[in-house]
């Protein structure tokens, strides 16, 4: 392999690695962020239902995009905050309308609206642990 091809390959791998793993501690999703301080859930509830809508939007101003679901559970429609979009991309999470889901987590207020912050999500035979027993986001370990 000539030296220029080798340098180009190293540079390319470095740039890809930086892009995948450069989710800095300032994307708004990190432990201790304003968003994560909203997670003050003392009782974890489990809801079952099906997805009505999947959106990739920031939950709060100044945050990067997150996976946000609208879920029909019985007579209720819940807004569910799942995880940062970059984590969904990294783990190749595929959620679609009409998917049946089982979600553990709890309600909190975000931007004046009641939202359900997920700690664990089961869909399509896959279980995603999103927060540990203390509410610490698992995605911080993936950075």
N, C-alpha and C. Protein backbone atom coordinates (compact mmCIF):
# COMPACT_ATOMS: atom_id res chain seq x y z
N UNK A 1 0.87 -1.17 0.00
CA UNK A 1 0.00 0.00 0.00
C UNK A 1 0.90 1.23 0.00
N UNK A 2 0.60 2.13 -0.91
CA UNK A 2 1.47 3.29 -0.91
C UNK A 2 1.13 4.19 0.27
N UNK A 3 2.06 5.02 0.64
CA UNK A 3 1.97 5.82 1.87
C UNK A 3 0.78 6.78 1.84
N UNK A 4 0.42 7.32 0.67
CA UNK A 4 -0.69 8.26 0.59
C UNK A 4 -2.03 7.56 0.84
N UNK A 5 -2.16 6.36 0.32
CA UNK A 5 -3.38 5.60 0.58
C UNK A 5 -3.50 5.27 2.07
N UNK A 6 -2.39 4.93 2.68
CA UNK A 6 -2.38 4.62 4.11
C UNK A 6 -2.75 5.85 4.93
N UNK A 7 -2.19 6.99 4.60
CA UNK A 7 -2.50 8.24 5.32
C UNK A 7 -3.97 8.59 5.12
N UNK A 8 -4.46 8.46 3.89
CA UNK A 8 -5.86 8.75 3.61
C UNK A 8 -6.78 7.84 4.42
N UNK A 9 -6.45 6.55 4.46
CA UNK A 9 -7.26 5.59 5.22
C UNK A 9 -7.26 5.94 6.70
N UNK A 10 -6.11 6.27 7.26
CA UNK A 10 -6.03 6.65 8.68
C UNK A 10 -6.84 7.91 8.95
N UNK A 11 -6.74 8.88 8.07
CA UNK A 11 -7.49 10.12 8.23
C UNK A 11 -8.99 9.86 8.16
N UNK A 12 -9.41 9.04 7.21
CA UNK A 12 -10.82 8.70 7.05
C UNK A 12 -11.37 8.00 8.29
N UNK A 13 -10.65 7.01 8.80
CA UNK A 13 -11.07 6.28 10.00
C UNK A 13 -11.13 7.23 11.19
N UNK A 14 -10.17 8.12 11.30
CA UNK A 14 -10.16 9.09 12.40
C UNK A 14 -11.37 10.00 12.35
N UNK A 15 -11.71 10.50 11.17
CA UNK A 15 -12.86 11.38 11.02
C UNK A 15 -14.16 10.66 11.33
N UNK A 16 -14.30 9.44 10.87
CA UNK A 16 -15.51 8.65 11.17
C UNK A 16 -15.60 8.41 12.68
N UNK A 17 -14.50 8.05 13.29
CA UNK A 17 -14.49 7.81 14.74
C UNK A 17 -14.85 9.06 15.50
N UNK A 18 -14.32 10.20 15.09
CA UNK A 18 -14.64 11.46 15.75
C UNK A 18 -16.12 11.78 15.62
N UNK A 19 -16.67 11.53 14.44
CA UNK A 19 -18.08 11.81 14.22
C UNK A 19 -18.97 10.92 15.08
N UNK A 20 -18.66 9.64 15.17
CA UNK A 20 -19.47 8.71 15.95
C UNK A 20 -19.34 8.93 17.44
N UNK A 21 -18.16 9.24 17.89
CA UNK A 21 -17.91 9.27 19.33
C UNK A 21 -17.67 10.67 19.88
N UNK A 22 -17.96 11.69 19.08
CA UNK A 22 -17.72 13.05 19.56
C UNK A 22 -18.94 13.65 20.22
N UNK A 23 -19.85 12.83 20.65
CA UNK A 23 -21.01 13.35 21.36
C UNK A 23 -20.49 13.92 22.67
N UNK A 24 -20.35 15.22 22.68
CA UNK A 24 -19.72 15.87 23.81
C UNK A 24 -20.65 15.92 25.00
N UNK A 25 -20.10 16.29 26.11
CA UNK A 25 -20.87 16.42 27.34
C UNK A 25 -21.71 17.70 27.32
N UNK A 26 -21.86 18.31 26.17
CA UNK A 26 -22.65 19.54 26.10
C UNK A 26 -23.82 19.40 25.13
N UNK A 27 -24.28 18.18 24.88
CA UNK A 27 -25.41 18.01 23.97
C UNK A 27 -26.75 18.07 24.69
N UNK A 28 -26.72 18.26 26.01
CA UNK A 28 -27.93 18.38 26.79
C UNK A 28 -28.47 17.08 27.34
N UNK A 29 -27.91 15.96 26.90
CA UNK A 29 -28.37 14.64 27.33
C UNK A 29 -27.54 14.06 28.48
N UNK A 30 -26.43 14.69 28.80
CA UNK A 30 -25.50 14.13 29.78
C UNK A 30 -26.07 14.17 31.19
N UNK A 31 -25.56 13.27 32.02
CA UNK A 31 -25.95 13.23 33.43
C UNK A 31 -25.66 14.59 34.05
N UNK A 32 -26.60 15.10 34.85
CA UNK A 32 -26.43 16.38 35.50
C UNK A 32 -26.92 17.55 34.67
N UNK A 33 -27.34 17.29 33.43
CA UNK A 33 -27.85 18.37 32.58
C UNK A 33 -29.20 18.84 33.09
N UNK A 34 -29.62 20.00 32.63
CA UNK A 34 -30.93 20.54 33.00
C UNK A 34 -32.02 19.52 32.67
N UNK A 35 -31.91 18.88 31.51
CA UNK A 35 -32.90 17.88 31.10
C UNK A 35 -32.92 16.69 32.06
N UNK A 36 -31.76 16.15 32.37
CA UNK A 36 -31.72 14.96 33.22
C UNK A 36 -32.07 15.27 34.67
N UNK A 37 -31.97 16.51 35.07
CA UNK A 37 -32.41 16.88 36.42
C UNK A 37 -33.93 16.80 36.54
N UNK A 38 -34.64 16.76 35.40
CA UNK A 38 -36.09 16.59 35.41
C UNK A 38 -36.48 15.18 35.85
N UNK A 39 -35.54 14.24 35.75
CA UNK A 39 -35.82 12.85 36.10
C UNK A 39 -35.74 12.71 37.62
N UNK A 40 -36.87 12.94 38.27
CA UNK A 40 -36.97 12.82 39.73
C UNK A 40 -38.08 11.82 40.06
N UNK A 41 -38.08 10.74 39.34
CA UNK A 41 -39.16 9.77 39.45
C UNK A 41 -38.86 8.81 40.58
N UNK A 42 -39.76 8.75 41.55
CA UNK A 42 -39.56 7.86 42.70
C UNK A 42 -40.24 6.52 42.49
N UNK A 43 -41.24 6.48 41.65
CA UNK A 43 -41.96 5.23 41.38
C UNK A 43 -41.94 4.97 39.88
N UNK A 44 -41.43 3.82 39.51
CA UNK A 44 -41.38 3.44 38.10
C UNK A 44 -42.68 2.74 37.74
N UNK A 45 -43.31 3.22 36.68
CA UNK A 45 -44.54 2.62 36.16
C UNK A 45 -44.22 1.89 34.86
N UNK A 46 -45.09 0.96 34.51
CA UNK A 46 -44.99 0.25 33.24
C UNK A 46 -46.24 0.52 32.43
N UNK A 47 -46.05 0.94 31.20
CA UNK A 47 -47.18 1.14 30.29
C UNK A 47 -46.99 0.26 29.07
N UNK A 48 -48.10 -0.21 28.55
CA UNK A 48 -48.08 -0.98 27.30
C UNK A 48 -48.98 -0.26 26.30
N UNK A 49 -48.65 -0.37 25.07
CA UNK A 49 -49.45 0.27 24.04
C UNK A 49 -48.80 0.09 22.69
N UNK A 50 -49.15 0.99 21.79
CA UNK A 50 -48.55 0.95 20.47
C UNK A 50 -48.18 2.36 20.03
N UNK A 51 -47.18 2.42 19.20
CA UNK A 51 -46.64 3.71 18.75
C UNK A 51 -47.57 4.33 17.71
N UNK A 52 -47.91 5.57 17.94
CA UNK A 52 -48.66 6.36 16.97
C UNK A 52 -47.73 7.15 16.06
N UNK A 53 -46.63 7.65 16.64
CA UNK A 53 -45.74 8.53 15.90
C UNK A 53 -44.33 8.46 16.49
N UNK A 54 -43.33 8.54 15.62
CA UNK A 54 -41.92 8.60 16.02
C UNK A 54 -41.36 9.92 15.49
N UNK A 55 -40.74 10.71 16.39
CA UNK A 55 -40.13 11.98 15.98
C UNK A 55 -38.70 12.03 16.47
N UNK A 56 -37.87 12.71 15.73
CA UNK A 56 -36.49 12.99 16.13
C UNK A 56 -36.40 14.50 16.32
N UNK A 57 -36.64 14.94 17.56
CA UNK A 57 -36.63 16.36 17.87
C UNK A 57 -35.92 16.57 19.21
N UNK A 58 -35.37 17.75 19.43
CA UNK A 58 -34.78 18.05 20.74
C UNK A 58 -35.88 18.19 21.79
N UNK A 59 -35.74 17.54 22.94
CA UNK A 59 -36.76 17.68 23.98
C UNK A 59 -36.80 19.07 24.60
N UNK A 60 -35.66 19.75 24.61
CA UNK A 60 -35.57 21.09 25.18
C UNK A 60 -34.65 21.92 24.29
N UNK A 61 -34.81 23.23 24.38
CA UNK A 61 -33.95 24.13 23.61
C UNK A 61 -32.49 23.92 24.01
N UNK A 62 -31.62 23.89 23.01
CA UNK A 62 -30.20 23.72 23.25
C UNK A 62 -29.73 22.28 23.28
N UNK A 63 -30.66 21.34 23.13
CA UNK A 63 -30.30 19.91 23.12
C UNK A 63 -30.21 19.41 21.69
N UNK A 64 -29.48 18.32 21.51
CA UNK A 64 -29.50 17.64 20.22
C UNK A 64 -30.78 16.82 20.13
N UNK A 65 -31.07 16.31 18.95
CA UNK A 65 -32.29 15.56 18.73
C UNK A 65 -32.37 14.31 19.60
N UNK A 66 -33.60 13.96 19.94
CA UNK A 66 -33.87 12.74 20.68
C UNK A 66 -34.98 11.97 20.02
N UNK A 67 -35.11 10.70 20.38
CA UNK A 67 -36.21 9.88 19.89
C UNK A 67 -37.39 10.11 20.82
N UNK A 68 -38.45 10.68 20.26
CA UNK A 68 -39.65 11.01 21.02
C UNK A 68 -40.81 10.24 20.38
N UNK A 69 -41.54 9.51 21.21
CA UNK A 69 -42.66 8.72 20.72
C UNK A 69 -43.98 9.27 21.21
N UNK A 70 -44.98 9.14 20.39
CA UNK A 70 -46.36 9.33 20.83
C UNK A 70 -46.93 7.92 20.91
N UNK A 71 -47.37 7.51 22.12
CA UNK A 71 -47.81 6.14 22.36
C UNK A 71 -49.25 6.12 22.85
N UNK A 72 -50.06 5.27 22.27
CA UNK A 72 -51.44 5.06 22.71
C UNK A 72 -51.42 3.90 23.71
N UNK A 73 -51.88 4.18 24.93
CA UNK A 73 -51.93 3.18 26.00
C UNK A 73 -53.33 3.25 26.62
N UNK A 74 -54.17 2.28 26.26
CA UNK A 74 -55.55 2.33 26.73
C UNK A 74 -56.23 3.56 26.16
N UNK A 75 -56.81 4.38 27.04
CA UNK A 75 -57.47 5.61 26.62
C UNK A 75 -56.51 6.79 26.56
N UNK A 76 -55.30 6.60 27.06
CA UNK A 76 -54.32 7.69 27.16
C UNK A 76 -53.38 7.71 25.96
N UNK A 77 -52.95 8.91 25.63
CA UNK A 77 -51.88 9.10 24.65
C UNK A 77 -50.73 9.76 25.39
N UNK A 78 -49.57 9.11 25.37
CA UNK A 78 -48.39 9.58 26.09
C UNK A 78 -47.33 10.10 25.14
N UNK A 79 -46.61 11.12 25.57
CA UNK A 79 -45.39 11.55 24.89
C UNK A 79 -44.25 10.90 25.66
N UNK A 80 -43.48 10.07 24.98
CA UNK A 80 -42.41 9.29 25.62
C UNK A 80 -41.05 9.76 25.12
N UNK A 81 -40.19 10.17 26.06
CA UNK A 81 -38.81 10.52 25.73
C UNK A 81 -37.97 9.26 25.90
N UNK A 82 -37.33 8.82 24.82
CA UNK A 82 -36.61 7.55 24.82
C UNK A 82 -35.12 7.76 25.08
N UNK A 83 -34.42 8.40 24.14
CA UNK A 83 -32.96 8.55 24.24
C UNK A 83 -32.48 9.53 23.19
N UNK A 84 -31.21 9.92 23.24
CA UNK A 84 -30.67 10.78 22.19
C UNK A 84 -30.73 10.06 20.83
N UNK A 85 -30.95 10.82 19.79
CA UNK A 85 -31.00 10.22 18.44
C UNK A 85 -29.68 9.55 18.09
N UNK A 86 -28.54 10.15 18.52
CA UNK A 86 -27.25 9.55 18.19
C UNK A 86 -27.12 8.16 18.78
N UNK A 87 -27.73 7.92 19.96
CA UNK A 87 -27.70 6.58 20.55
C UNK A 87 -28.56 5.63 19.71
N UNK A 88 -29.73 6.11 19.29
CA UNK A 88 -30.58 5.29 18.43
C UNK A 88 -29.88 4.91 17.15
N UNK A 89 -29.16 5.87 16.57
CA UNK A 89 -28.40 5.60 15.34
C UNK A 89 -27.28 4.60 15.60
N UNK A 90 -26.56 4.80 16.69
CA UNK A 90 -25.43 3.93 17.04
C UNK A 90 -25.89 2.49 17.25
N UNK A 91 -27.05 2.31 17.91
CA UNK A 91 -27.58 0.97 18.20
C UNK A 91 -28.53 0.47 17.13
N UNK A 92 -28.73 1.27 16.09
CA UNK A 92 -29.61 0.91 14.99
C UNK A 92 -31.03 0.61 15.49
N UNK A 93 -31.54 1.47 16.35
CA UNK A 93 -32.89 1.31 16.91
C UNK A 93 -33.90 1.69 15.83
N UNK A 94 -34.80 0.76 15.54
CA UNK A 94 -35.83 0.97 14.52
C UNK A 94 -37.19 0.88 15.20
N UNK A 95 -37.84 2.01 15.39
CA UNK A 95 -39.19 2.06 15.96
C UNK A 95 -40.11 2.68 14.92
N UNK A 96 -41.27 2.06 14.73
CA UNK A 96 -42.20 2.50 13.71
C UNK A 96 -43.61 2.63 14.29
N UNK A 97 -44.44 3.47 13.69
CA UNK A 97 -45.84 3.50 14.09
C UNK A 97 -46.46 2.10 14.00
N UNK A 98 -47.31 1.81 14.95
CA UNK A 98 -48.02 0.54 15.10
C UNK A 98 -47.20 -0.53 15.81
N UNK A 99 -45.91 -0.29 16.08
CA UNK A 99 -45.13 -1.23 16.89
C UNK A 99 -45.73 -1.28 18.29
N UNK A 100 -45.87 -2.48 18.81
CA UNK A 100 -46.29 -2.63 20.20
C UNK A 100 -45.08 -2.40 21.09
N UNK A 101 -45.31 -1.70 22.21
CA UNK A 101 -44.21 -1.37 23.11
C UNK A 101 -44.62 -1.60 24.56
N UNK A 102 -43.63 -1.93 25.36
CA UNK A 102 -43.75 -1.96 26.81
C UNK A 102 -42.68 -1.00 27.31
N UNK A 103 -43.11 0.00 28.07
CA UNK A 103 -42.17 1.05 28.48
C UNK A 103 -42.23 1.20 29.99
N UNK A 104 -41.06 1.18 30.62
CA UNK A 104 -40.94 1.48 32.04
C UNK A 104 -40.39 2.89 32.17
N UNK A 105 -40.86 3.61 33.17
CA UNK A 105 -40.40 4.97 33.39
C UNK A 105 -41.39 5.71 34.25
N UNK A 106 -41.45 7.01 34.06
CA UNK A 106 -42.37 7.80 34.85
C UNK A 106 -42.61 9.16 34.26
N UNK A 107 -43.65 9.80 34.75
CA UNK A 107 -44.04 11.12 34.28
C UNK A 107 -43.22 12.21 34.94
N UNK A 108 -42.96 13.26 34.15
CA UNK A 108 -42.33 14.46 34.65
C UNK A 108 -42.80 15.62 33.77
N UNK A 109 -42.45 16.82 34.13
CA UNK A 109 -42.78 17.99 33.33
C UNK A 109 -41.55 18.43 32.54
N UNK A 110 -41.76 18.70 31.27
CA UNK A 110 -40.70 19.18 30.39
C UNK A 110 -41.33 20.23 29.49
N UNK A 111 -40.79 21.43 29.52
CA UNK A 111 -41.33 22.55 28.73
C UNK A 111 -42.82 22.78 29.02
N UNK A 112 -43.22 22.54 30.25
CA UNK A 112 -44.61 22.77 30.64
C UNK A 112 -45.56 21.65 30.29
N UNK A 113 -45.06 20.59 29.67
CA UNK A 113 -45.90 19.46 29.27
C UNK A 113 -45.54 18.22 30.08
N UNK A 114 -46.52 17.38 30.35
CA UNK A 114 -46.25 16.10 31.00
C UNK A 114 -45.70 15.14 29.96
N UNK A 115 -44.54 14.56 30.27
CA UNK A 115 -43.92 13.57 29.39
C UNK A 115 -43.56 12.34 30.23
N UNK A 116 -43.45 11.22 29.56
CA UNK A 116 -43.07 9.97 30.20
C UNK A 116 -41.62 9.72 29.83
N UNK A 117 -40.71 9.78 30.81
CA UNK A 117 -39.30 9.51 30.56
C UNK A 117 -39.05 8.01 30.72
N UNK A 118 -38.61 7.40 29.65
CA UNK A 118 -38.42 5.95 29.65
C UNK A 118 -37.12 5.56 30.34
N UNK A 119 -37.20 4.49 31.14
CA UNK A 119 -36.00 3.89 31.72
C UNK A 119 -35.67 2.57 31.02
N UNK A 120 -36.70 1.98 30.42
CA UNK A 120 -36.53 0.72 29.70
C UNK A 120 -37.64 0.63 28.66
N UNK A 121 -37.30 0.14 27.48
CA UNK A 121 -38.27 0.01 26.41
C UNK A 121 -38.12 -1.34 25.76
N UNK A 122 -39.25 -2.02 25.57
CA UNK A 122 -39.26 -3.29 24.86
C UNK A 122 -40.12 -3.14 23.62
N UNK A 123 -39.54 -3.46 22.47
CA UNK A 123 -40.26 -3.40 21.20
C UNK A 123 -39.60 -4.36 20.22
N UNK A 124 -40.42 -5.00 19.42
CA UNK A 124 -39.92 -5.89 18.36
C UNK A 124 -38.96 -6.95 18.91
N UNK A 125 -39.23 -7.43 20.13
CA UNK A 125 -38.40 -8.47 20.73
C UNK A 125 -37.07 -7.97 21.28
N UNK A 126 -36.85 -6.67 21.27
CA UNK A 126 -35.60 -6.10 21.76
C UNK A 126 -35.88 -5.30 23.02
N UNK A 127 -35.03 -5.48 24.03
CA UNK A 127 -35.15 -4.74 25.28
C UNK A 127 -34.02 -3.72 25.33
N UNK A 128 -34.39 -2.46 25.51
CA UNK A 128 -33.40 -1.38 25.62
C UNK A 128 -33.42 -0.83 27.03
N UNK A 129 -32.34 -1.03 27.76
CA UNK A 129 -32.19 -0.42 29.08
C UNK A 129 -31.65 0.98 28.85
N UNK A 130 -32.42 1.99 29.26
CA UNK A 130 -32.07 3.38 28.95
C UNK A 130 -31.48 4.13 30.13
N UNK A 131 -31.88 3.74 31.32
CA UNK A 131 -31.37 4.34 32.56
C UNK A 131 -31.16 3.22 33.57
N UNK A 132 -30.21 3.42 34.47
CA UNK A 132 -30.00 2.41 35.51
C UNK A 132 -30.99 2.64 36.65
N UNK A 133 -30.87 1.85 37.71
CA UNK A 133 -31.82 1.91 38.83
C UNK A 133 -31.82 3.26 39.55
N UNK A 134 -30.77 4.04 39.38
CA UNK A 134 -30.71 5.38 39.99
C UNK A 134 -31.19 6.47 39.04
N UNK A 135 -31.54 6.09 37.81
CA UNK A 135 -31.98 7.07 36.82
C UNK A 135 -30.86 7.64 35.97
N UNK A 136 -29.64 7.15 36.17
CA UNK A 136 -28.49 7.63 35.39
C UNK A 136 -28.63 7.13 33.95
N UNK A 137 -28.49 8.02 32.97
CA UNK A 137 -28.64 7.61 31.58
C UNK A 137 -27.54 6.65 31.13
N UNK A 138 -27.96 5.57 30.51
CA UNK A 138 -27.02 4.57 29.99
C UNK A 138 -26.19 5.16 28.85
N UNK A 139 -26.77 6.10 28.10
CA UNK A 139 -26.04 6.65 26.95
C UNK A 139 -24.75 7.35 27.35
N UNK A 140 -24.63 7.79 28.61
CA UNK A 140 -23.37 8.40 29.03
C UNK A 140 -22.22 7.40 28.93
N UNK A 141 -22.53 6.13 29.08
CA UNK A 141 -21.49 5.08 28.99
C UNK A 141 -21.09 4.81 27.55
N UNK A 142 -21.94 5.22 26.59
CA UNK A 142 -21.67 4.96 25.17
C UNK A 142 -20.87 6.07 24.51
N UNK A 143 -20.64 7.16 25.22
CA UNK A 143 -19.95 8.30 24.62
C UNK A 143 -18.53 7.95 24.27
